[in-house]
Amino acid sequence: MIFKEINIETWKRKEYYEHFSKDTPCTISLTTKIDITNLKKMNLKIYPALIFALTKTINKVEEFRINKNSEGILGIYEKVYPCYTYLKEGNELFTNFWIDSIKCYSEFYKSYIFNISQYGDSIKIMGKENLPENTFPVSMIPWNSFDGFNLNLKNAYDYYLPIFTFGKFILDNKKYLIPLSIQVHHAVCDGFHLCRFIEKFQEFINNEANFLD
């Protein structure tokens, strides 16, 4: 794991970081609709395909890889990996898995299936243990196509990685749309960066080559 410390004194976001982490601690939540028609066209399993697309996009966006490491130092991870919720059919409690195999979709999907077979019966909140510190959270609420979603975290003002929540996809005018809620910390990310990420995420999904080996 490569982690590059940020020199806050020379950082271009110094004033913004100090304002939104100390003076006025502030997170941003935005809910949008993502077009997943291409994923349906390719007959891909939606949840793992979305997690893969998120991970590949995040690793191209510096603002989404900033956090404090285990020693409390602010910096940028060279790579981040997903920690995602999984709910086994018939259960009411979810568990969490993580994946660090993201080179290509086939490799990622094999790890996704392995996690289910190996840890799918877990009744712990962290089904797959030894969670790396350079992971970001992803979850899905597949029973409701929400228009707005917000996480209210007591200690969120010291957590800088993005948090993602998907909802139930719908068919609208021959397009499959899925709600996506994104929560980021304003100290390291502005609305501009958030919207640019969404654009890059949609572009990744639209490109079939990204899911072919």
Protein backbone atom coordinates (compact mmCIF):
# COMPACT_ATOMS: atom_id res chain seq x y z
CA MET A 1 0.00 0.00 0.00
CA ILE A 2 1.43 3.35 -1.07
CA PHE A 3 0.32 6.41 0.89
CA LYS A 4 1.60 9.91 0.10
CA GLU A 5 1.40 12.41 2.93
CA ILE A 6 -0.09 15.80 2.07
CA ASN A 7 1.91 18.85 3.13
CA ILE A 8 -1.01 20.96 4.30
CA GLU A 9 1.09 24.14 4.48
CA THR A 10 1.82 24.05 0.73
CA TRP A 11 -1.40 22.35 -0.37
CA LYS A 12 -3.62 24.35 -2.72
CA ARG A 13 -6.65 23.33 -0.61
CA LYS A 14 -5.11 24.46 2.69
CA GLU A 15 -7.64 27.25 3.30
CA TYR A 16 -10.58 25.06 2.22
CA TYR A 17 -9.35 22.08 4.24
CA GLU A 18 -8.95 24.09 7.42
CA HIS A 19 -12.30 25.85 6.97
CA PHE A 20 -14.35 22.71 6.28
CA SER A 21 -12.54 20.46 8.76
CA LYS A 22 -12.10 22.90 11.67
CA ASP A 23 -14.09 26.14 11.37
CA THR A 24 -17.22 24.70 9.75
CA PRO A 25 -16.99 20.89 9.52
CA CYS A 26 -19.06 19.96 6.50
CA THR A 27 -19.92 16.92 4.38
CA ILE A 28 -21.82 16.89 1.09
CA SER A 29 -24.52 14.42 0.06
CA LEU A 30 -25.79 14.17 -3.51
CA THR A 31 -28.22 11.69 -5.03
CA THR A 32 -28.31 11.20 -8.78
CA LYS A 33 -29.52 8.67 -11.36
CA ILE A 34 -26.96 6.54 -13.21
CA ASP A 35 -27.81 5.00 -16.59
CA ILE A 36 -26.98 1.28 -16.38
CA THR A 37 -28.61 0.31 -19.69
CA ASN A 38 -25.25 -0.83 -21.02
CA LEU A 39 -24.72 -3.17 -18.06
CA LYS A 40 -28.16 -4.71 -18.64
CA LYS A 41 -27.39 -5.03 -22.35
CA MET A 42 -24.22 -6.97 -21.51
CA ASN A 43 -26.16 -9.19 -19.08
CA LEU A 44 -23.79 -8.35 -16.25
CA LYS A 45 -24.74 -8.85 -12.62
CA ILE A 46 -25.50 -5.25 -11.66
CA TYR A 47 -24.10 -4.91 -8.14
CA PRO A 48 -20.58 -6.28 -8.76
CA ALA A 49 -20.38 -4.45 -12.10
CA LEU A 50 -21.22 -1.17 -10.36
CA ILE A 51 -18.71 -1.80 -7.56
CA PHE A 52 -16.02 -2.54 -10.14
CA ALA A 53 -16.86 0.61 -12.13
CA LEU A 54 -16.81 2.72 -8.96
CA THR A 55 -13.42 1.36 -7.95
CA LYS A 56 -11.82 1.89 -11.34
CA THR A 57 -13.21 5.44 -11.53
CA ILE A 58 -12.18 6.39 -7.99
CA ASN A 59 -8.64 5.29 -8.68
CA LYS A 60 -8.48 7.93 -11.42
CA VAL A 61 -9.77 10.73 -9.17
CA GLU A 62 -7.31 12.02 -6.57
CA GLU A 63 -9.91 13.85 -4.45
CA PHE A 64 -11.69 10.54 -3.80
CA ARG A 65 -8.55 8.84 -2.46
CA ILE A 66 -7.72 11.30 0.33
CA ASN A 67 -8.04 10.22 3.94
CA LYS A 68 -6.18 10.06 7.24
CA ASN A 69 -4.20 6.87 7.64
CA SER A 70 -4.04 4.70 10.76
CA GLU A 71 -1.56 7.16 12.29
CA GLY A 72 -3.86 10.14 11.72
CA ILE A 73 -1.80 11.58 8.87
CA LEU A 74 -3.68 13.17 5.95
CA GLY A 75 -2.62 11.88 2.57
CA ILE A 76 -3.51 10.22 -0.71
CA TYR A 77 -3.69 6.48 -1.26
CA GLU A 78 -2.26 5.35 -4.58
CA LYS A 79 -4.98 2.69 -4.73
CA VAL A 80 -8.24 2.21 -2.85
CA TYR A 81 -10.46 -0.86 -2.81
CA PRO A 82 -14.16 -1.43 -2.13
CA CYS A 83 -15.67 -2.66 1.11
CA TYR A 84 -19.24 -3.55 0.23
CA THR A 85 -22.31 -4.87 1.98
CA TYR A 86 -23.79 -8.26 1.19
CA LEU A 87 -27.19 -9.56 2.26
CA LYS A 88 -27.80 -13.27 1.81
CA GLU A 89 -31.28 -14.19 0.60
CA GLY A 90 -33.48 -14.99 3.58
CA ASN A 91 -31.41 -12.90 5.99
CA GLU A 92 -32.22 -9.50 7.46
CA LEU A 93 -28.71 -8.56 8.56
CA PHE A 94 -25.94 -7.65 6.12
CA THR A 95 -22.25 -8.40 6.30
CA ASN A 96 -19.25 -6.71 4.67
CA PHE A 97 -16.66 -8.03 2.22
CA TRP A 98 -13.69 -6.35 0.56
CA ILE A 99 -11.84 -6.99 -2.70
CA ASP A 100 -8.33 -5.96 -3.78
CA SER A 101 -8.40 -7.74 -7.18
CA ILE A 102 -9.36 -4.94 -9.55
CA LYS A 103 -7.07 -5.35 -12.56
CA CYS A 104 -9.92 -6.53 -14.81
CA TYR A 105 -13.58 -7.35 -14.41
CA SER A 106 -13.22 -11.14 -14.74
CA GLU A 107 -10.65 -11.15 -11.93
CA PHE A 108 -12.80 -8.89 -9.80
CA TYR A 109 -15.93 -10.97 -10.37
CA LYS A 110 -14.14 -14.18 -9.41
CA SER A 111 -13.19 -12.54 -6.11
CA TYR A 112 -16.77 -11.34 -5.66
CA ILE A 113 -18.13 -14.89 -6.08
CA PHE A 114 -15.38 -16.31 -3.86
CA ASN A 115 -16.33 -13.91 -1.06
CA ILE A 116 -19.94 -15.10 -1.20
CA SER A 117 -18.98 -18.77 -1.15
CA GLN A 118 -16.37 -18.30 1.57
CA TYR A 119 -17.99 -15.72 3.85
CA GLY A 120 -21.62 -15.50 2.74
CA ASP A 121 -22.95 -17.26 5.84
CA SER A 122 -21.22 -14.88 8.23
CA ILE A 123 -23.36 -13.27 10.92
CA LYS A 124 -20.68 -10.68 11.69
CA ILE A 125 -20.80 -7.10 10.45
CA MET A 126 -17.36 -7.71 8.90
CA GLY A 127 -17.71 -11.07 7.19
CA LYS A 128 -14.27 -10.91 5.62
CA GLU A 129 -11.81 -9.74 8.24
CA ASN A 130 -8.43 -7.97 8.02
CA LEU A 131 -9.94 -4.96 6.28
CA PRO A 132 -7.22 -2.82 4.65
CA GLU A 133 -7.26 0.83 5.68
CA ASN A 134 -7.38 1.95 2.04
CA THR A 135 -10.97 0.85 1.42
CA PHE A 136 -14.10 2.88 0.75
CA PRO A 137 -17.67 1.80 1.68
CA VAL A 138 -20.37 0.76 -0.81
CA SER A 139 -23.87 -0.47 -0.05
CA MET A 140 -27.13 -1.10 -1.87
CA ILE A 141 -30.80 -0.77 -0.93
CA PRO A 142 -32.37 -2.77 -3.79
CA TRP A 143 -35.95 -2.48 -2.50
CA ASN A 144 -36.48 1.23 -3.12
CA SER A 145 -35.65 3.59 -5.97
CA PHE A 146 -35.05 6.57 -3.72
CA ASP A 147 -34.69 10.18 -4.83
CA GLY A 148 -32.68 11.25 -1.81
CA PHE A 149 -30.54 9.50 0.79
CA ASN A 150 -28.34 10.84 3.56
CA LEU A 151 -26.03 9.26 6.12
CA ASN A 152 -25.74 11.05 9.45
CA LEU A 153 -22.41 9.99 10.93
CA LYS A 154 -21.39 11.21 14.36
CA ASN A 155 -17.67 11.02 13.59
CA ALA A 156 -17.87 11.77 9.85
CA TYR A 157 -15.98 15.04 10.15
CA ASP A 158 -12.71 13.15 10.46
CA TYR A 159 -13.42 10.71 7.62
CA TYR A 160 -12.60 11.86 4.10
CA LEU A 161 -13.19 8.95 1.71
CA PRO A 162 -16.45 8.88 -0.27
CA ILE A 163 -19.41 6.72 0.79
CA PHE A 164 -21.71 5.22 -1.87
CA THR A 165 -25.26 3.86 -1.63
CA PHE A 166 -27.19 2.42 -4.58
CA GLY A 167 -30.94 1.86 -4.73
CA LYS A 168 -33.39 -0.12 -6.86
CA PHE A 169 -33.06 0.39 -10.61
CA ILE A 170 -36.08 1.26 -12.74
CA LEU A 171 -36.94 1.23 -16.45
CA ASP A 172 -37.67 4.76 -17.64
CA ASN A 173 -38.21 5.58 -21.33
CA LYS A 174 -36.27 2.47 -22.42
CA LYS A 175 -33.37 3.30 -20.10
CA TYR A 176 -32.43 1.47 -16.92
CA LEU A 177 -31.67 4.03 -14.21
CA ILE A 178 -30.35 3.39 -10.72
CA PRO A 179 -30.19 5.93 -7.87
CA LEU A 180 -26.77 6.58 -6.41
CA SER A 181 -26.15 8.58 -3.25
CA ILE A 182 -22.62 9.88 -2.71
CA GLN A 183 -21.34 11.43 0.51
CA VAL A 184 -18.01 13.26 0.49
CA HIS A 185 -16.13 15.56 2.86
CA HIS A 186 -16.11 19.21 1.77
CA ALA A 187 -12.61 19.65 3.20
CA VAL A 188 -11.13 17.57 0.37
CA CYS A 189 -13.86 17.62 -2.29
CA ASP A 190 -16.11 20.30 -3.80
CA GLY A 191 -19.27 20.04 -5.87
CA PHE A 192 -17.13 20.41 -8.99
CA HIS A 193 -15.10 17.30 -8.17
CA LEU A 194 -18.23 15.38 -7.22
CA CYS A 195 -19.96 16.14 -10.53
CA ARG A 196 -16.80 15.38 -12.51
CA PHE A 197 -16.59 12.01 -10.79
CA ILE A 198 -20.20 11.20 -11.71
CA GLU A 199 -19.45 12.08 -15.34
CA LYS A 200 -16.37 9.81 -15.39
CA PHE A 201 -18.31 7.02 -13.67
CA GLN A 202 -21.05 7.16 -16.31
CA GLU A 203 -18.46 7.19 -19.10
CA PHE A 204 -16.84 4.07 -17.64
CA ILE A 205 -20.17 2.23 -17.51
CA ASN A 206 -20.99 3.24 -21.08
CA ASN A 207 -17.79 1.70 -22.43
CA GLU A 208 -18.28 -2.05 -22.93
CA ALA A 209 -14.53 -2.58 -23.35
CA ASN A 210 -14.04 -1.82 -19.65
CA PHE A 211 -15.81 -5.06 -18.75
CA LEU A 212 -14.13 -7.26 -21.35
CA ASP A 213 -10.74 -8.94 -20.90
